Amino acid sequence: RSEAEDAAERARHMEKLKSQEASVREQEALRRTTDEALLRQRLEDEVQIEALRREAELARVKAEEEARAAAERANEDVRLRAMRAQAAEDRKKVLEAIQLVSSYVAKGATTLLDDTKLL
């Protein structure tokens, strides 16, 4: 082989190496770009997931509050009926006590007026 052929072969080999290096650099840049895009997308997805979690939590809390308020309204009727029943019972006891005291006073007055010795 001649020196010219060897030099041409080395030049082709060097060109091939440069081309391969450029291809590797392009592939690495593409990989970095893809990795960055994936990372950005992952972060955006996490933000959206967190927003959805917050919305779900707020909806759950709202539903619990509404259920609690509905139960409270339902219980209010029960409590009012119980209070009215208790008030009616208390009123009945007071009236019975007044009647009992009145009957004792009436008996005492009748006994006192009938028996002239006690006057």
N, C-alpha and C. Protein backbone atom coordinates (compact mmCIF):
# COMPACT_ATOMS: atom_id res chain seq x y z
N ARG A 1 0.83 -1.19 0.00
CA ARG A 1 0.00 0.00 0.00
C ARG A 1 0.86 1.24 0.00
N SER A 2 0.27 2.22 -0.49
CA SER A 2 1.05 3.44 -0.56
C SER A 2 0.68 4.34 0.60
N GLU A 3 1.51 5.29 0.80
CA GLU A 3 1.27 6.27 1.88
C GLU A 3 0.01 7.07 1.62
N ALA A 4 -0.28 7.34 0.41
CA ALA A 4 -1.47 8.12 0.06
C ALA A 4 -2.71 7.32 0.42
N GLU A 5 -2.67 6.02 0.16
CA GLU A 5 -3.81 5.19 0.51
C GLU A 5 -3.97 5.13 2.02
N ASP A 6 -2.85 5.00 2.74
CA ASP A 6 -2.90 4.97 4.21
C ASP A 6 -3.45 6.29 4.76
N ALA A 7 -3.01 7.39 4.20
CA ALA A 7 -3.47 8.69 4.66
C ALA A 7 -4.97 8.84 4.36
N ALA A 8 -5.39 8.39 3.21
CA ALA A 8 -6.81 8.47 2.86
C ALA A 8 -7.62 7.58 3.80
N GLU A 9 -7.07 6.40 4.09
CA GLU A 9 -7.75 5.48 5.01
C GLU A 9 -7.87 6.11 6.40
N ARG A 10 -6.79 6.72 6.89
CA ARG A 10 -6.84 7.38 8.20
C ARG A 10 -7.83 8.55 8.19
N ALA A 11 -7.89 9.29 7.10
CA ALA A 11 -8.81 10.42 6.98
C ALA A 11 -10.25 9.91 7.01
N ARG A 12 -10.50 8.79 6.26
CA ARG A 12 -11.85 8.23 6.29
C ARG A 12 -12.19 7.73 7.70
N HIS A 13 -11.21 7.10 8.33
CA HIS A 13 -11.43 6.60 9.69
C HIS A 13 -11.70 7.76 10.65
N MET A 14 -10.96 8.84 10.52
CA MET A 14 -11.15 10.01 11.38
C MET A 14 -12.52 10.64 11.12
N GLU A 15 -12.92 10.72 9.86
CA GLU A 15 -14.23 11.25 9.52
C GLU A 15 -15.33 10.39 10.13
N LYS A 16 -15.11 9.07 10.05
CA LYS A 16 -16.09 8.15 10.61
C LYS A 16 -16.19 8.35 12.12
N LEU A 17 -15.04 8.48 12.79
CA LEU A 17 -15.02 8.71 14.24
C LEU A 17 -15.71 10.03 14.59
N LYS A 18 -15.42 11.08 13.84
CA LYS A 18 -16.05 12.38 14.08
C LYS A 18 -17.56 12.27 13.90
N SER A 19 -17.95 11.56 12.85
CA SER A 19 -19.37 11.38 12.59
C SER A 19 -20.03 10.61 13.73
N GLN A 20 -19.35 9.56 14.22
CA GLN A 20 -19.89 8.78 15.33
C GLN A 20 -19.98 9.62 16.60
N GLU A 21 -18.93 10.43 16.84
CA GLU A 21 -18.95 11.31 18.02
C GLU A 21 -20.10 12.31 17.93
N ALA A 22 -20.29 12.88 16.75
CA ALA A 22 -21.38 13.83 16.56
C ALA A 22 -22.73 13.13 16.78
N SER A 23 -22.84 11.92 16.29
CA SER A 23 -24.08 11.16 16.47
C SER A 23 -24.32 10.87 17.95
N VAL A 24 -23.26 10.52 18.68
CA VAL A 24 -23.37 10.25 20.11
C VAL A 24 -23.79 11.52 20.84
N ARG A 25 -23.18 12.67 20.48
CA ARG A 25 -23.54 13.94 21.11
C ARG A 25 -25.00 14.26 20.83
N GLU A 26 -25.46 14.06 19.60
CA GLU A 26 -26.86 14.32 19.26
C GLU A 26 -27.80 13.40 20.05
N GLN A 27 -27.41 12.13 20.14
CA GLN A 27 -28.23 11.19 20.90
C GLN A 27 -28.28 11.56 22.38
N GLU A 28 -27.14 11.99 22.90
CA GLU A 28 -27.09 12.41 24.31
C GLU A 28 -27.94 13.66 24.53
N ALA A 29 -27.86 14.61 23.62
CA ALA A 29 -28.68 15.82 23.73
C ALA A 29 -30.16 15.46 23.64
N LEU A 30 -30.50 14.57 22.75
CA LEU A 30 -31.89 14.13 22.61
C LEU A 30 -32.35 13.41 23.88
N ARG A 31 -31.47 12.58 24.46
CA ARG A 31 -31.80 11.88 25.70
C ARG A 31 -32.04 12.88 26.83
N ARG A 32 -31.14 13.89 26.93
CA ARG A 32 -31.31 14.91 27.97
C ARG A 32 -32.62 15.67 27.77
N THR A 33 -32.91 16.05 26.53
CA THR A 33 -34.15 16.77 26.24
C THR A 33 -35.36 15.91 26.61
N THR A 34 -35.30 14.65 26.25
CA THR A 34 -36.39 13.73 26.58
C THR A 34 -36.53 13.58 28.09
N ASP A 35 -35.41 13.41 28.80
CA ASP A 35 -35.44 13.28 30.26
C ASP A 35 -36.04 14.52 30.90
N GLU A 36 -35.63 15.69 30.41
CA GLU A 36 -36.16 16.93 30.96
C GLU A 36 -37.66 17.05 30.70
N ALA A 37 -38.08 16.68 29.49
CA ALA A 37 -39.51 16.74 29.16
C ALA A 37 -40.29 15.77 30.04
N LEU A 38 -39.74 14.57 30.25
CA LEU A 38 -40.41 13.59 31.11
C LEU A 38 -40.50 14.10 32.55
N LEU A 39 -39.43 14.71 33.03
CA LEU A 39 -39.42 15.25 34.39
C LEU A 39 -40.46 16.37 34.52
N ARG A 40 -40.51 17.28 33.53
CA ARG A 40 -41.51 18.35 33.56
C ARG A 40 -42.92 17.76 33.56
N GLN A 41 -43.13 16.77 32.71
CA GLN A 41 -44.46 16.14 32.64
C GLN A 41 -44.80 15.45 33.96
N ARG A 42 -43.83 14.79 34.56
CA ARG A 42 -44.06 14.12 35.84
C ARG A 42 -44.42 15.14 36.92
N LEU A 43 -43.71 16.27 36.93
CA LEU A 43 -44.02 17.32 37.91
C LEU A 43 -45.41 17.90 37.68
N GLU A 44 -45.75 18.14 36.42
CA GLU A 44 -47.10 18.64 36.12
C GLU A 44 -48.16 17.63 36.54
N ASP A 45 -47.90 16.35 36.29
CA ASP A 45 -48.84 15.30 36.69
C ASP A 45 -49.00 15.27 38.21
N GLU A 46 -47.90 15.40 38.93
CA GLU A 46 -47.97 15.40 40.39
C GLU A 46 -48.76 16.60 40.91
N VAL A 47 -48.58 17.76 40.27
CA VAL A 47 -49.34 18.95 40.67
C VAL A 47 -50.83 18.71 40.42
N GLN A 48 -51.15 18.15 39.27
CA GLN A 48 -52.56 17.86 38.96
C GLN A 48 -53.14 16.83 39.92
N ILE A 49 -52.36 15.80 40.23
CA ILE A 49 -52.83 14.78 41.17
C ILE A 49 -53.08 15.41 42.53
N GLU A 50 -52.18 16.26 42.96
CA GLU A 50 -52.36 16.92 44.27
C GLU A 50 -53.59 17.82 44.25
N ALA A 51 -53.82 18.50 43.15
CA ALA A 51 -55.02 19.35 43.04
C ALA A 51 -56.27 18.49 43.10
N LEU A 52 -56.25 17.35 42.43
CA LEU A 52 -57.40 16.44 42.48
C LEU A 52 -57.61 15.90 43.89
N ARG A 53 -56.52 15.60 44.58
CA ARG A 53 -56.63 15.12 45.97
C ARG A 53 -57.26 16.19 46.85
N ARG A 54 -56.81 17.43 46.67
CA ARG A 54 -57.40 18.53 47.46
C ARG A 54 -58.89 18.67 47.17
N GLU A 55 -59.24 18.62 45.89
CA GLU A 55 -60.66 18.71 45.53
C GLU A 55 -61.45 17.58 46.16
N ALA A 56 -60.91 16.37 46.10
CA ALA A 56 -61.61 15.22 46.68
C ALA A 56 -61.75 15.38 48.19
N GLU A 57 -60.70 15.86 48.84
CA GLU A 57 -60.75 16.07 50.29
C GLU A 57 -61.78 17.13 50.65
N LEU A 58 -61.81 18.22 49.89
CA LEU A 58 -62.80 19.26 50.14
C LEU A 58 -64.22 18.73 49.92
N ALA A 59 -64.40 17.94 48.88
CA ALA A 59 -65.72 17.36 48.62
C ALA A 59 -66.12 16.42 49.75
N ARG A 60 -65.16 15.63 50.26
CA ARG A 60 -65.45 14.71 51.35
C ARG A 60 -65.83 15.48 52.61
N VAL A 61 -65.08 16.53 52.92
CA VAL A 61 -65.38 17.34 54.11
C VAL A 61 -66.74 18.00 53.97
N LYS A 62 -67.03 18.52 52.79
CA LYS A 62 -68.32 19.16 52.55
C LYS A 62 -69.46 18.16 52.72
N ALA A 63 -69.28 16.97 52.17
CA ALA A 63 -70.32 15.93 52.29
C ALA A 63 -70.52 15.54 53.75
N GLU A 64 -69.42 15.43 54.50
CA GLU A 64 -69.54 15.10 55.92
C GLU A 64 -70.29 16.20 56.68
N GLU A 65 -69.97 17.45 56.37
CA GLU A 65 -70.65 18.57 57.03
C GLU A 65 -72.13 18.59 56.70
N GLU A 66 -72.45 18.35 55.43
CA GLU A 66 -73.86 18.33 55.03
C GLU A 66 -74.60 17.19 55.73
N ALA A 67 -73.95 16.03 55.82
CA ALA A 67 -74.58 14.89 56.50
C ALA A 67 -74.77 15.20 57.98
N ARG A 68 -73.76 15.81 58.58
CA ARG A 68 -73.85 16.17 60.00
C ARG A 68 -74.97 17.18 60.23
N ALA A 69 -75.09 18.17 59.33
CA ALA A 69 -76.14 19.18 59.45
C ALA A 69 -77.52 18.54 59.29
N ALA A 70 -77.64 17.61 58.33
CA ALA A 70 -78.93 16.93 58.13
C ALA A 70 -79.29 16.10 59.35
N ALA A 71 -78.31 15.41 59.92
CA ALA A 71 -78.57 14.62 61.12
C ALA A 71 -78.95 15.53 62.29
N GLU A 72 -78.29 16.68 62.36
CA GLU A 72 -78.60 17.64 63.43
C GLU A 72 -80.03 18.16 63.28
N ARG A 73 -80.44 18.46 62.04
CA ARG A 73 -81.82 18.91 61.82
C ARG A 73 -82.81 17.81 62.19
N ALA A 74 -82.50 16.58 61.82
CA ALA A 74 -83.39 15.46 62.17
C ALA A 74 -83.45 15.28 63.68
N ASN A 75 -82.30 15.41 64.33
CA ASN A 75 -82.26 15.26 65.79
C ASN A 75 -82.95 16.42 66.49
N GLU A 76 -82.98 17.57 65.85
CA GLU A 76 -83.62 18.73 66.46
C GLU A 76 -85.11 18.46 66.71
N ASP A 77 -85.75 17.84 65.74
CA ASP A 77 -87.16 17.48 65.92
C ASP A 77 -87.34 16.53 67.10
N VAL A 78 -86.46 15.56 67.18
CA VAL A 78 -86.54 14.59 68.29
C VAL A 78 -86.33 15.30 69.61
N ARG A 79 -85.33 16.18 69.66
CA ARG A 79 -85.05 16.91 70.91
C ARG A 79 -86.22 17.81 71.30
N LEU A 80 -86.81 18.49 70.30
CA LEU A 80 -87.95 19.36 70.59
C LEU A 80 -89.13 18.56 71.14
N ARG A 81 -89.40 17.40 70.53
CA ARG A 81 -90.49 16.56 71.04
C ARG A 81 -90.20 16.10 72.46
N ALA A 82 -88.96 15.72 72.73
CA ALA A 82 -88.59 15.28 74.08
C ALA A 82 -88.73 16.43 75.07
N MET A 83 -88.31 17.63 74.67
CA MET A 83 -88.43 18.79 75.56
C MET A 83 -89.90 19.11 75.82
N ARG A 84 -90.74 19.05 74.79
CA ARG A 84 -92.17 19.32 74.97
C ARG A 84 -92.81 18.28 75.89
N ALA A 85 -92.43 17.02 75.70
CA ALA A 85 -92.97 15.97 76.55
C ALA A 85 -92.54 16.18 78.00
N GLN A 86 -91.28 16.56 78.20
CA GLN A 86 -90.77 16.80 79.55
C GLN A 86 -91.50 18.00 80.17
N ALA A 87 -91.71 19.05 79.37
CA ALA A 87 -92.41 20.24 79.88
C ALA A 87 -93.85 19.88 80.25
N ALA A 88 -94.51 19.07 79.43
CA ALA A 88 -95.89 18.67 79.74
C ALA A 88 -95.93 17.84 81.02
N GLU A 89 -94.94 16.97 81.17
CA GLU A 89 -94.88 16.14 82.39
C GLU A 89 -94.63 17.01 83.62
N ASP A 90 -93.70 17.96 83.48
CA ASP A 90 -93.41 18.86 84.61
C ASP A 90 -94.65 19.70 84.97
N ARG A 91 -95.36 20.21 83.95
CA ARG A 91 -96.57 20.99 84.19
C ARG A 91 -97.63 20.14 84.90
N LYS A 92 -97.76 18.90 84.48
CA LYS A 92 -98.73 18.00 85.10
C LYS A 92 -98.39 17.78 86.57
N LYS A 93 -97.09 17.58 86.88
CA LYS A 93 -96.66 17.38 88.28
C LYS A 93 -96.96 18.62 89.11
N VAL A 94 -96.67 19.80 88.55
CA VAL A 94 -96.91 21.04 89.29
C VAL A 94 -98.41 21.21 89.55
N LEU A 95 -99.24 20.95 88.54
CA LEU A 95 -100.68 21.06 88.73
C LEU A 95 -101.18 20.06 89.78
N GLU A 96 -100.66 18.86 89.75
CA GLU A 96 -101.05 17.87 90.75
C GLU A 96 -100.64 18.31 92.15
N ALA A 97 -99.45 18.89 92.26
CA ALA A 97 -98.98 19.37 93.56
C ALA A 97 -99.85 20.51 94.06
N ILE A 98 -100.22 21.42 93.13
CA ILE A 98 -101.09 22.54 93.52
C ILE A 98 -102.46 22.01 93.97
N GLN A 99 -102.98 21.05 93.24
CA GLN A 99 -104.28 20.47 93.61
C GLN A 99 -104.20 19.76 94.97
N LEU A 100 -103.09 19.06 95.19
CA LEU A 100 -102.92 18.37 96.47
C LEU A 100 -102.85 19.38 97.62
N VAL A 101 -102.06 20.44 97.44
CA VAL A 101 -101.95 21.47 98.48
C VAL A 101 -103.31 22.13 98.68
N SER A 102 -104.00 22.43 97.59
CA SER A 102 -105.32 23.06 97.69
C SER A 102 -106.30 22.16 98.44
N SER A 103 -106.26 20.86 98.16
CA SER A 103 -107.18 19.95 98.85
C SER A 103 -106.85 19.88 100.34
N TYR A 104 -105.57 19.88 100.69
CA TYR A 104 -105.19 19.87 102.11
C TYR A 104 -105.64 21.16 102.80
N VAL A 105 -105.45 22.29 102.12
CA VAL A 105 -105.86 23.58 102.69
C VAL A 105 -107.38 23.59 102.85
N ALA A 106 -108.09 23.10 101.84
CA ALA A 106 -109.55 23.06 101.89
C ALA A 106 -110.04 22.15 103.02
N LYS A 107 -109.40 20.97 103.15
CA LYS A 107 -109.76 20.06 104.24
C LYS A 107 -109.51 20.71 105.60
N GLY A 108 -108.35 21.35 105.69
CA GLY A 108 -108.01 22.01 106.95
C GLY A 108 -109.00 23.11 107.28
N ALA A 109 -109.38 23.92 106.29
CA ALA A 109 -110.33 25.01 106.50
C ALA A 109 -111.71 24.44 106.86
N THR A 110 -112.10 23.38 106.16
CA THR A 110 -113.39 22.76 106.45
C THR A 110 -113.40 22.19 107.86
N THR A 111 -112.34 21.51 108.23
CA THR A 111 -112.25 20.95 109.57
C THR A 111 -112.26 22.06 110.59
N LEU A 112 -111.56 23.11 110.36
CA LEU A 112 -111.50 24.22 111.29
C LEU A 112 -112.86 24.90 111.42
N LEU A 113 -113.54 25.11 110.34
CA LEU A 113 -114.83 25.77 110.37
C LEU A 113 -115.93 24.86 110.95
N ASP A 114 -115.82 23.54 110.70
CA ASP A 114 -116.82 22.62 111.23
C ASP A 114 -116.67 22.41 112.73
N ASP A 115 -115.48 22.43 113.18
CA ASP A 115 -115.25 22.17 114.61
C ASP A 115 -115.09 23.50 115.32
N THR A 116 -116.08 23.92 116.03
CA THR A 116 -116.07 25.20 116.69
C THR A 116 -115.14 25.21 117.91
N LYS A 117 -114.82 24.06 118.40
CA LYS A 117 -113.90 24.01 119.55
C LYS A 117 -112.50 24.48 119.14
N LEU A 118 -112.13 24.23 117.88
CA LEU A 118 -110.78 24.61 117.43
C LEU A 118 -110.66 26.11 117.19
N LEU A 119 -111.80 26.77 117.05
CA LEU A 119 -111.77 28.22 116.82
C LEU A 119 -111.55 28.90 118.10
